[in-house]
Protein backbone atom coordinates (compact mmCIF):
# COMPACT_ATOMS: atom_id res chain seq x y z
CA MET A 1 -97.37 59.17 217.46
CA ASP A 2 -94.31 61.15 216.38
CA GLU A 3 -91.92 58.94 214.35
CA GLN A 4 -88.90 59.79 216.47
CA ILE A 5 -90.77 58.98 219.67
CA PHE A 6 -91.92 55.66 218.17
CA GLU A 7 -88.36 54.73 217.11
CA ALA A 8 -87.10 55.55 220.61
CA LEU A 9 -89.84 53.36 222.09
CA VAL A 10 -88.92 50.44 219.81
CA GLU A 11 -85.26 50.88 220.72
CA GLU A 12 -86.01 50.83 224.44
CA PHE A 13 -88.25 47.77 224.03
CA TYR A 14 -85.57 45.94 222.04
CA LEU A 15 -82.77 46.62 224.51
CA GLU A 16 -84.86 45.60 227.51
CA SER A 17 -86.06 42.41 225.78
CA GLN A 18 -82.49 41.59 224.74
CA GLU A 19 -81.33 41.81 228.35
CA ARG A 20 -84.18 39.59 229.54
CA ILE A 21 -83.54 36.96 226.84
CA GLN A 22 -79.89 36.81 227.86
CA ARG A 23 -80.87 36.34 231.51
CA ILE A 24 -83.25 33.54 230.47
CA ALA A 25 -80.48 31.83 228.48
CA ASP A 26 -78.00 32.11 231.38
CA THR A 27 -80.58 30.70 233.78
CA LEU A 28 -81.38 27.75 231.51
CA MET A 29 -77.69 26.93 231.11
CA ALA A 30 -77.24 27.04 234.90
CA TRP A 31 -80.17 24.66 235.45
CA GLY A 32 -78.26 21.42 234.85
CA GLU A 33 -75.59 22.12 237.48
CA ALA A 34 -77.96 23.67 240.02
CA GLU A 35 -78.89 21.91 243.26
CA GLU A 36 -82.49 20.82 243.65
CA SER A 37 -83.01 23.51 246.28
CA GLU A 38 -81.89 26.20 243.80
CA ARG A 39 -84.06 25.07 240.90
CA LYS A 40 -87.29 26.35 242.39
CA GLU A 41 -85.79 29.84 242.51
CA LEU A 42 -84.47 29.53 238.95
CA LEU A 43 -87.90 28.41 237.73
CA VAL A 44 -89.55 31.49 239.28
CA LEU A 45 -86.95 33.71 237.59
CA LEU A 46 -87.51 32.05 234.18
CA ARG A 47 -91.27 32.42 234.32
CA ARG A 48 -91.07 36.01 235.50
CA GLU A 49 -88.70 37.07 232.73
CA LEU A 50 -90.70 35.27 230.02
CA HIS A 51 -93.96 36.70 231.31
CA THR A 52 -92.49 40.21 231.09
CA VAL A 53 -91.20 39.66 227.54
CA LYS A 54 -94.63 38.34 226.55
CA GLY A 55 -96.45 41.28 228.16
CA ASN A 56 -94.17 43.89 226.60
CA ALA A 57 -94.55 42.25 223.18
CA GLY A 58 -98.32 42.46 223.58
CA MET A 59 -98.16 46.16 224.42
CA MET A 60 -96.07 46.76 221.30
CA GLY A 61 -98.61 44.87 219.17
CA LEU A 62 -96.10 42.13 218.25
CA LYS A 63 -98.43 39.12 218.30
CA GLU A 64 -95.98 36.59 216.84
CA LEU A 65 -93.39 37.44 219.48
CA GLN A 66 -96.07 37.38 222.16
CA ASP A 67 -97.24 33.90 221.08
CA LEU A 68 -93.70 32.48 220.97
CA SER A 69 -92.96 33.85 224.44
CA HIS A 70 -96.25 32.41 225.74
CA HIS A 71 -95.44 28.98 224.29
CA LEU A 72 -92.00 29.00 225.91
CA GLU A 73 -93.49 30.14 229.21
CA ASP A 74 -95.79 27.10 229.15
CA ARG A 75 -92.91 24.74 228.37
CA VAL A 76 -90.74 26.16 231.14
CA ALA A 77 -93.43 25.17 233.64
CA ASP A 78 -92.66 21.52 232.80
CA LEU A 79 -88.89 21.93 232.95
CA ALA A 80 -88.52 19.92 236.12
CA THR A 81 -90.34 16.92 234.66
CA SER A 82 -89.93 16.45 230.93
CA ASP A 83 -88.57 19.23 228.74
CA SER A 84 -84.80 19.32 228.13
CA VAL A 85 -82.83 22.53 228.51
CA ARG A 86 -81.45 22.12 224.99
CA ASP A 87 -84.93 22.11 223.45
CA LEU A 88 -85.94 25.15 225.48
CA LEU A 89 -82.87 27.04 224.33
CA GLY A 90 -83.89 26.26 220.76
CA ASP A 91 -87.28 27.81 221.45
CA LEU A 92 -85.56 30.81 223.00
CA ASP A 93 -83.52 31.21 219.81
CA ARG A 94 -86.78 31.52 217.88
CA VAL A 95 -87.93 34.21 220.32
CA GLN A 96 -84.64 36.04 219.70
CA GLN A 97 -85.01 35.74 215.92
CA GLU A 98 -88.57 37.07 216.03
CA LEU A 99 -87.42 39.97 218.24
CA ASN A 100 -84.72 40.84 215.68
CA VAL A 101 -87.22 40.70 212.80
CA ALA A 102 -89.86 42.71 214.65
CA CYS A 103 -87.37 45.45 215.50
CA GLY A 104 -85.61 45.47 212.15
CA ARG A 105 -82.36 44.00 213.42
CA VAL A 106 -79.89 41.72 211.64
CA SER A 107 -78.14 39.76 214.35
CA ALA A 108 -77.81 39.81 218.09
CA LEU A 109 -74.04 40.28 217.87
CA GLU A 110 -74.27 43.33 215.61
CA ASP A 111 -77.03 44.83 217.72
CA ALA A 112 -75.06 44.28 220.89
CA ALA A 113 -72.12 46.06 219.28
CA GLU A 114 -74.38 48.88 218.06
CA THR A 115 -75.71 49.60 221.51
CA GLU A 116 -72.19 49.90 222.93
CA VAL A 117 -71.15 52.76 220.67
CA ALA A 118 -71.35 56.06 222.54
CA THR A 119 -69.36 59.21 222.83
CA ALA A 120 -68.75 58.31 226.45
CA THR A 121 -69.55 54.65 227.00
CA SER A 122 -68.92 54.75 230.72
CA ALA A 123 -70.77 57.98 231.32
CA PRO A 124 -74.48 58.08 232.05
CA GLY A 125 -76.52 59.49 229.20
CA GLY A 126 -73.86 58.87 226.55
CA VAL A 127 -75.11 59.71 223.07
CA ARG A 128 -75.31 56.63 220.84
CA VAL A 129 -73.82 56.91 217.36
CA GLY A 130 -74.84 54.51 214.60
CA PHE A 131 -72.15 52.46 212.90
CA GLY A 132 -73.21 53.86 209.53
CA THR A 133 -72.22 57.31 210.75
CA LEU A 134 -68.96 55.99 212.20
CA ASP A 135 -68.08 54.15 208.99
CA GLY A 136 -68.57 57.42 207.12
CA LEU A 137 -66.27 59.19 209.57
CA VAL A 138 -63.61 56.50 209.14
CA ASP A 139 -63.79 56.85 205.35
CA LEU A 140 -63.27 60.61 205.69
CA LEU A 141 -60.48 60.04 208.19
CA SER A 142 -58.78 57.65 205.78
CA GLU A 143 -58.85 60.31 203.07
CA MET A 144 -57.40 62.83 205.55
CA VAL A 145 -54.52 60.45 206.38
CA ILE A 146 -53.74 60.00 202.68
CA PHE A 147 -53.74 63.75 202.07
CA ARG A 148 -51.70 64.39 205.22
CA ASN A 149 -49.06 62.01 203.86
CA ARG A 150 -49.28 63.75 200.48
CA LEU A 151 -48.81 67.14 202.13
CA GLY A 152 -45.81 65.90 204.10
CA ASP A 153 -44.18 64.42 200.98
CA SER A 154 -44.81 67.63 199.02
CA LEU A 155 -43.30 69.80 201.75
CA GLY A 156 -40.26 67.53 201.90
CA ARG A 157 -39.70 67.78 198.14
CA ALA A 158 -40.20 71.55 198.19
CA MET A 159 -37.73 72.00 201.04
CA ALA A 160 -35.15 69.92 199.17
CA THR A 161 -35.23 72.33 196.21
CA LEU A 162 -34.65 75.46 198.30
CA PRO A 163 -31.23 76.98 198.89
CA ARG A 164 -29.92 76.22 202.38
CA GLY A 165 -30.43 79.77 203.67
CA ALA A 166 -34.01 80.03 202.44
CA ARG A 167 -35.11 77.03 204.54
CA SER A 168 -34.82 79.01 207.77
CA GLY A 169 -37.01 81.89 206.59
CA SER A 170 -39.96 82.90 208.73
CA SER A 171 -42.50 81.86 206.08
CA TRP A 172 -41.16 78.33 205.81
CA LEU A 173 -40.85 77.99 209.59
CA ALA A 174 -44.54 78.98 209.87
CA VAL A 175 -45.47 76.37 207.24
CA GLU A 176 -43.52 73.65 209.08
CA GLU A 177 -45.06 74.63 212.41
CA ALA A 178 -48.59 74.56 210.94
CA HIS A 179 -47.91 71.16 209.42
CA GLU A 180 -46.72 69.76 212.76
CA VAL A 181 -49.81 71.10 214.56
CA LEU A 182 -52.04 69.66 211.84
CA GLU A 183 -50.40 66.23 212.21
CA LYS A 184 -50.85 66.22 215.98
CA THR A 185 -54.48 67.33 215.68
CA LEU A 186 -55.21 64.65 213.10
CA ASP A 187 -53.59 62.04 215.35
CA ARG A 188 -56.00 63.03 218.14
CA VAL A 189 -58.99 62.94 215.78
CA GLN A 190 -57.89 59.53 214.49
CA TYR A 191 -57.57 58.16 218.04
CA SER A 192 -61.00 59.50 219.04
CA VAL A 193 -62.80 58.10 215.99
CA MET A 194 -61.13 54.71 216.38
CA GLN A 195 -62.14 54.62 220.05
CA LEU A 196 -65.76 55.13 219.00
CA ARG A 197 -65.50 52.07 216.75
CA MET A 198 -64.34 49.90 219.64
CA VAL A 199 -66.85 47.51 221.18
CA PRO A 200 -66.32 45.24 224.21
CA LEU A 201 -66.06 41.50 223.67
CA GLU A 202 -68.55 40.69 226.46
CA ASN A 203 -71.48 39.99 224.14
CA LEU A 204 -69.39 37.74 221.91
CA PHE A 205 -68.24 35.82 224.99
CA LEU A 206 -71.89 35.28 225.97
CA GLN A 207 -72.52 33.71 222.58
CA LEU A 208 -69.49 31.45 223.03
CA LYS A 209 -70.88 30.33 226.37
CA ARG A 210 -74.07 29.22 224.64
CA LEU A 211 -72.10 27.46 221.91
CA VAL A 212 -70.08 25.49 224.48
CA PHE A 213 -73.25 24.53 226.32
CA ASP A 214 -74.96 23.24 223.16
CA GLU A 215 -71.96 21.18 222.03
CA ALA A 216 -71.36 19.73 225.50
CA GLN A 217 -75.03 18.73 225.73
CA ARG A 218 -74.94 17.09 222.31
CA LEU A 219 -71.79 15.12 223.10
CA GLU A 220 -72.90 14.38 226.68
CA ARG A 221 -69.74 15.92 228.12
CA LYS A 222 -69.16 18.14 231.10
CA VAL A 223 -67.35 21.36 230.21
CA GLU A 224 -66.45 24.14 232.61
CA PHE A 225 -66.37 27.30 230.50
CA ARG A 226 -64.87 30.52 231.78
CA ALA A 227 -64.30 33.84 230.02
CA HIS A 228 -62.08 36.68 231.22
CA GLY A 229 -61.52 40.12 229.75
CA GLY A 230 -64.98 40.73 228.32
CA GLU A 231 -64.40 44.45 228.77
CA THR A 232 -61.54 44.29 226.24
CA PRO A 233 -62.42 46.53 223.27
CA LEU A 234 -62.20 45.37 219.64
CA ASP A 235 -62.58 47.35 216.44
CA LYS A 236 -66.10 46.85 215.11
CA GLY A 237 -64.61 46.11 211.68
CA LEU A 238 -62.94 43.00 213.15
CA LEU A 239 -65.90 41.82 215.24
CA GLU A 240 -67.36 39.50 212.59
CA LEU A 241 -63.94 37.98 211.89
CA ALA A 242 -63.34 37.38 215.61
CA SER A 243 -66.80 35.88 216.01
CA GLU A 244 -66.25 33.39 213.20
CA ALA A 245 -62.74 32.45 214.32
CA LEU A 246 -63.56 32.09 218.02
CA GLY A 247 -66.73 30.14 217.23
CA HIS A 248 -64.70 27.60 215.30
CA LEU A 249 -61.89 27.43 217.89
CA VAL A 250 -64.31 26.96 220.80
CA ARG A 251 -66.34 24.31 218.97
CA ASN A 252 -63.12 22.61 217.93
CA ALA A 253 -61.96 22.54 221.56
CA VAL A 254 -65.15 20.86 222.76
CA VAL A 255 -65.40 18.36 219.89
CA HIS A 256 -61.73 17.51 219.28
CA GLY A 257 -59.73 18.89 222.18
CA LEU A 258 -61.57 17.78 225.31
CA GLU A 259 -61.85 14.08 226.04
CA GLY A 260 -65.00 12.22 226.98
CA ARG A 261 -65.71 11.37 230.61
CA ASP A 262 -64.17 7.87 230.61
CA GLU A 263 -61.00 9.00 228.84
CA ARG A 264 -60.51 11.89 231.25
CA VAL A 265 -61.04 9.72 234.33
CA ALA A 266 -58.60 7.13 232.96
CA ALA A 267 -56.03 9.90 232.46
CA GLY A 268 -56.47 11.07 236.06
CA LYS A 269 -58.20 14.30 235.08
CA PRO A 270 -61.37 15.83 236.52
CA GLU A 271 -64.55 14.62 234.85
CA ALA A 272 -65.37 18.15 233.64
CA GLY A 273 -63.07 19.56 231.01
CA LYS A 274 -61.88 23.16 231.26
CA LEU A 275 -62.21 25.66 228.45
CA ILE A 276 -61.01 29.20 229.12
CA VAL A 277 -61.23 32.22 226.83
CA THR A 278 -59.14 35.23 227.83
CA ALA A 279 -58.77 38.61 226.11
CA HIS A 280 -56.47 41.53 226.75
CA THR A 281 -54.90 44.42 224.88
CA THR A 282 -51.18 44.96 224.27
CA SER A 283 -49.68 48.20 223.02
CA GLU A 284 -50.36 47.23 219.39
CA GLU A 285 -52.75 44.26 219.33
CA VAL A 286 -55.72 42.53 220.91
CA TRP A 287 -54.87 39.00 222.09
CA ILE A 288 -57.62 36.42 222.59
CA ASP A 289 -56.63 33.00 223.96
CA VAL A 290 -58.71 29.83 223.73
CA GLU A 291 -57.22 27.26 226.08
CA ASP A 292 -58.36 23.74 227.04
CA ASP A 293 -57.00 21.01 229.31
CA GLY A 294 -57.77 18.23 226.83
CA ARG A 295 -55.76 15.61 225.02
CA GLY A 296 -53.52 18.03 223.12
CA ILE A 297 -52.45 17.76 219.49
CA ASP A 298 -49.96 15.13 218.35
CA SER A 299 -47.90 16.74 215.57
CA GLU A 300 -46.48 13.42 214.40
CA ALA A 301 -49.95 11.90 214.15
CA LEU A 302 -51.04 14.91 212.09
CA ARG A 303 -48.10 14.45 209.71
CA GLU A 304 -49.01 10.80 209.24
CA ARG A 305 -52.64 11.75 208.65
CA ALA A 306 -51.61 14.36 206.08
CA ALA A 307 -49.49 11.77 204.25
CA LYS A 308 -52.35 9.27 204.30
CA LEU A 309 -54.71 11.84 202.80
CA GLY A 310 -52.14 12.79 200.15
CA LEU A 311 -51.76 16.37 201.38
CA ASP A 312 -48.62 18.27 200.49
CA SER A 313 -46.95 19.26 203.76
CA PRO A 314 -43.39 20.64 203.99
CA ALA A 315 -40.79 18.39 205.60
CA GLY A 316 -40.63 19.10 209.32
CA ALA A 317 -43.71 21.34 209.15
CA ASP A 318 -44.63 22.84 212.52
CA LEU A 319 -48.03 22.56 214.19
CA PRO A 320 -49.56 25.82 212.84
CA THR A 321 -48.55 24.86 209.29
CA LEU A 322 -50.06 21.38 209.62
CA LEU A 323 -53.32 22.71 211.04
CA ALA A 324 -53.56 25.16 208.14
CA LEU A 325 -53.53 22.36 205.52
CA PRO A 326 -56.91 22.39 203.72
CA GLY A 327 -58.67 19.05 204.06
CA LEU A 328 -56.69 17.78 207.06
CA SER A 329 -59.07 16.29 209.61
CA THR A 330 -58.61 13.69 212.33
CA ARG A 331 -62.09 12.32 211.62
CA ASP A 332 -63.07 10.13 208.70
CA GLU A 333 -66.64 11.45 208.60
CA ALA A 334 -68.12 14.88 209.09
CA ASP A 335 -71.04 15.56 211.40
CA ALA A 336 -72.89 18.62 212.66
CA SER A 337 -69.79 19.94 214.43
CA ALA A 338 -66.73 18.17 213.06
CA GLY A 339 -66.08 19.27 209.52
CA ARG A 340 -63.86 17.95 206.78
CA GLY A 341 -60.65 19.69 207.76
CA MET A 342 -61.42 23.01 206.07
CA GLY A 343 -62.26 24.94 209.24
CA MET A 344 -58.78 25.69 210.60
CA ALA A 345 -57.44 26.51 207.13
CA ALA A 346 -60.31 28.93 206.48
CA VAL A 347 -60.03 30.52 209.92
CA GLY A 348 -56.27 31.02 209.57
CA GLU A 349 -56.63 32.57 206.13
CA SER A 350 -59.42 34.96 207.17
CA ILE A 351 -57.44 36.07 210.22
CA ARG A 352 -54.39 36.82 208.10
CA ARG A 353 -56.51 38.74 205.60
CA GLY A 354 -57.76 40.83 208.52
CA GLY A 355 -54.19 41.68 209.46
CA GLY A 356 -54.04 39.24 212.38
CA GLN A 357 -52.21 36.07 213.33
CA LEU A 358 -53.16 32.70 214.80
CA GLU A 359 -50.70 30.93 217.09
CA VAL A 360 -51.00 27.50 218.67
CA VAL A 361 -49.13 25.77 221.49
CA SER A 362 -50.04 22.22 222.46
CA THR A 363 -48.77 19.50 224.78
CA VAL A 364 -49.99 15.94 224.26
CA GLY A 365 -52.06 14.85 227.24
CA GLU A 366 -52.20 18.31 228.80
CA GLY A 367 -54.08 20.60 226.44
CA THR A 368 -53.90 23.25 223.73
CA ARG A 369 -53.84 27.03 223.56
CA PHE A 370 -54.79 28.98 220.46
CA ARG A 371 -53.94 32.67 220.45
CA LEU A 372 -55.76 35.03 218.14
CA ARG A 373 -53.79 38.25 217.58
CA LEU A 374 -55.72 41.08 215.95
CA PRO A 375 -54.68 44.66 215.13
CA LEU A 376 -56.15 47.50 217.17
CA SER A 377 -57.61 49.03 214.04
CA ALA A 378 -59.00 47.45 210.89
CA ALA A 379 -58.65 50.59 208.78
CA ILE A 380 -55.48 52.54 209.64
CA ILE A 381 -52.23 50.96 210.86
CA ARG A 382 -48.66 52.02 211.54
CA ALA A 383 -46.28 50.58 208.94
CA LEU A 384 -42.72 50.73 207.62
CA LEU A 385 -42.18 51.90 204.03
CA LEU A 386 -39.53 49.72 202.34
CA ARG A 387 -37.62 50.04 199.08
CA VAL A 388 -36.72 46.95 197.03
CA GLU A 389 -35.01 47.80 193.73
CA ASP A 390 -37.38 50.33 192.12
CA ASP A 391 -40.44 49.13 194.04
CA LEU A 392 -41.93 50.21 197.37
CA PHE A 393 -43.71 47.96 199.89
CA VAL A 394 -45.23 48.57 203.30
CA LEU A 395 -44.89 46.21 206.25
CA PRO A 396 -47.10 46.44 209.38
CA ALA A 397 -44.89 47.66 212.20
CA ALA A 398 -46.46 45.26 214.69
CA ALA A 399 -44.70 42.31 213.00
CA VAL A 400 -41.20 43.85 213.14
CA ARG A 401 -38.94 42.91 216.03
CA GLU A 402 -35.65 44.54 214.94
CA ALA A 403 -33.88 46.03 211.91
CA VAL A 404 -30.13 45.71 211.31
CA ALA A 405 -27.72 46.42 208.46
CA LEU A 406 -27.06 43.48 206.13
CA ASN A 407 -23.57 42.07 206.63
CA VAL A 408 -22.80 39.50 203.94
CA GLY A 409 -20.18 37.90 206.14
CA ASP A 410 -22.85 36.95 208.67
CA ARG A 411 -24.95 35.16 206.06
CA THR A 412 -24.46 31.40 205.65
CA LEU A 413 -26.16 28.63 203.69
CA LEU A 414 -28.02 25.81 205.41
CA GLN A 415 -29.42 23.15 203.07
CA GLY A 416 -29.47 25.72 200.28
CA ALA A 417 -31.30 28.37 202.33
CA ALA A 418 -29.64 31.60 203.46
CA VAL A 419 -29.68 32.04 207.25
CA VAL A 420 -28.23 34.53 209.70
CA ARG A 421 -27.62 34.26 213.44
CA TRP A 422 -29.87 36.56 215.48
CA ARG A 423 -30.43 36.39 219.24
CA GLN A 424 -28.61 33.05 219.44
CA GLU A 425 -30.79 31.46 216.73
CA LEU A 426 -30.36 30.77 213.02
CA ILE A 427 -33.07 32.73 211.20
CA PRO A 428 -33.93 32.05 207.50
CA LEU A 429 -33.59 35.05 205.22
CA VAL A 430 -36.15 36.04 202.57
CA ASP A 431 -34.84 38.45 199.96
CA LEU A 432 -37.89 40.43 198.83
CA GLY A 433 -36.27 41.28 195.50
CA VAL A 434 -35.92 37.57 194.71
CA GLN A 435 -39.32 36.74 196.18
CA PHE A 436 -41.19 39.18 193.95
CA GLY A 437 -39.06 38.74 190.83
CA ALA A 438 -37.30 42.12 190.88
CA THR A 439 -33.83 40.50 190.82
CA PRO A 440 -32.57 36.94 190.30
CA GLU A 441 -29.85 37.04 192.97
CA ARG A 442 -29.74 37.83 196.66
CA ARG A 443 -28.54 41.33 197.44
CA ASP A 444 -25.24 41.88 199.22
CA GLN A 445 -26.13 45.14 200.94
CA GLY A 446 -29.20 46.71 202.49
CA GLN A 447 -31.24 46.05 205.61
CA ILE A 448 -32.59 42.99 207.40
CA LEU A 449 -35.96 43.33 209.14
CA PHE A 450 -36.55 40.51 211.60
CA ILE A 451 -40.27 39.73 211.69
CA GLU A 452 -42.27 37.36 213.90
CA SER A 453 -45.58 35.72 213.09
CA GLU A 454 -47.30 32.70 214.62
CA GLY A 455 -44.14 31.92 216.59
CA ARG A 456 -41.92 31.83 213.46
CA TYR A 457 -39.14 34.30 212.63
CA ARG A 458 -37.78 35.43 209.29
CA GLY A 459 -35.30 38.08 208.19
CA LEU A 460 -36.64 40.17 205.31
CA VAL A 461 -33.84 41.59 203.16
CA VAL A 462 -34.58 44.97 201.52
CA ASP A 463 -32.54 47.80 200.03
CA ALA A 464 -33.65 50.45 202.52
CA ILE A 465 -36.22 51.51 205.09
CA VAL A 466 -37.72 54.70 203.67
CA GLY A 467 -39.76 55.72 206.71
CA ILE A 468 -42.57 54.98 209.16
CA ARG A 469 -46.12 56.25 208.65
CA ASP A 470 -49.79 55.57 209.17
CA ILE A 471 -51.37 53.86 206.18
CA VAL A 472 -54.93 53.26 205.09
CA VAL A 473 -55.50 49.53 204.50
CA LYS A 474 -57.39 48.69 201.33
CA PRO A 475 -58.26 45.23 199.94
CA LEU A 476 -56.72 43.95 196.73
CA ASP A 477 -58.80 43.92 193.59
CA ARG A 478 -60.26 40.42 193.14
CA MET A 479 -58.77 40.29 189.65
CA MET A 480 -55.32 40.11 191.30
CA GLY A 481 -56.19 36.96 193.21
CA ALA A 482 -54.21 36.34 196.41
CA PRO A 483 -50.46 36.74 195.70
CA LEU A 484 -48.27 34.90 198.22
CA GLY A 485 -46.85 37.35 200.74
CA ILE A 486 -49.29 40.19 199.98
CA SER A 487 -52.31 41.04 202.15
CA GLY A 488 -53.62 44.28 200.65
CA CYS A 489 -52.59 47.68 199.36
CA THR A 490 -52.43 51.33 200.35
CA ILE A 491 -52.13 54.73 198.67
CA LEU A 492 -49.09 56.90 199.34
CA GLY A 493 -49.10 60.66 199.57
CA ASP A 494 -47.99 61.02 195.95
CA GLY A 495 -50.89 58.85 194.76
CA ARG A 496 -48.89 55.66 194.17
CA VAL A 497 -50.54 52.36 195.06
CA VAL A 498 -48.21 50.22 197.18
CA LEU A 499 -48.63 46.58 198.22
CA ILE A 500 -48.87 45.63 201.91
CA LEU A 501 -46.68 42.68 202.92
CA ASP A 502 -48.26 39.69 204.67
CA ALA A 503 -45.91 38.92 207.58
CA ALA A 504 -47.65 35.62 208.37
CA ALA A 505 -47.22 34.28 204.82
CA LEU A 506 -43.62 35.51 204.52
CA SER A 507 -42.71 33.87 207.84
CA ARG A 508 -43.52 30.46 206.34
CA ILE A 509 -41.32 30.87 203.25
CA VAL A 510 -38.01 29.02 202.95
CA GLN A 511 -36.03 30.60 200.10
CA ARG A 512 -33.40 28.40 198.48
CA GLY A 513 -30.95 29.18 195.70
CA LYS A 514 -27.87 31.27 195.06
């Protein structure tokens, strides 16, 4: 058989089997809540789907997969009498793992993302493009953005050296026009390539549904899980980060957030807890909310717990800051789901490193909402170029709410920290020159950029805003460690390496002194 034909056959077999396995999982999870009259129908569906998976595996010569499917088919026949749904889902996981191995796949989530990539995802017959090819395109696009910036800077410097009359010559006008057309064309190419990297969150939401089911079964709790916005696209480069973060948040909601049956009934709540995941896209970010109607988070109790454990928490620390403390847990012992207080700290840090933010709002007795805010792109972002003394920094534009001129008369001291009134609130100021050791004293002139992250506001004081441009995000060299307030670096058009400011970290700084 021709190799290309064989690969196409394997691909078709994998995709069909994947769909059937998901239907089997959904049916098993629906079994517990189904009426007795519905279960007979569900049982027929389970056996039919498993029989087809087994038969197709046999035709492909995949004996191990065929045997596992056959074993599960036999066990499903006894579902109404002895076997638990949880055990059967475990067997189904082994079928999924064997399918991945047999077809040379890594994980169901990555494969689901891979199959969504097409030049026209909504159009029939869209041509699938592998992520390896797309990653190569993004690398080339990143180089093009860097050289576009370099070309723009070079043209600007050249124009500045010309006599005033020479700037309006036909040759220079043609150069400027060509540069503008090139920029617009590159913008369109950039948008198209980034759209190809976008994958819908639907498959991740299906995995969260299974996670909620398993945890609820283990804890013997009733949880009503709903997901909205599965069609919302997310950059493939952020998919793994979102999967890890949402997995922890959802598990945390079931284990810590939602009460047990007796506690809910005593509080006058429905026996089944509600857990809702919602995703949507704003003009600059993807927002994913994880919301429960559980017991909520008591900030004061967390502060007392932090003190008892000897953790260093700032006076009056807000809820996001407390939850980010490594080692802070409300449980004395860890088990299969409740860790040792490292989960939220690790999740928050990884989200910030990915250019995102994690917000939390909670009301004791009513519930909690975590909001995961991720950038639209993991590779190229719009940013402001800032000057501080002789240094340049870039700040993601998504974090900036407003920029105003620094007026020393508006600045006051509050408990040793400089603050300024903005939109009827006192906002702490962070002088970037002081923060990064460029100058010992706060500057008296320049610009204030008001930033917002995780519900906190800060005013960043800089000498000047140099411009706005697209930048290519690159990680810091591991030898540099993780400097406070820095999330990565980028390369300017003239070849200089410039640090990217971490808005989330800067928004937690309280700068005291002269």
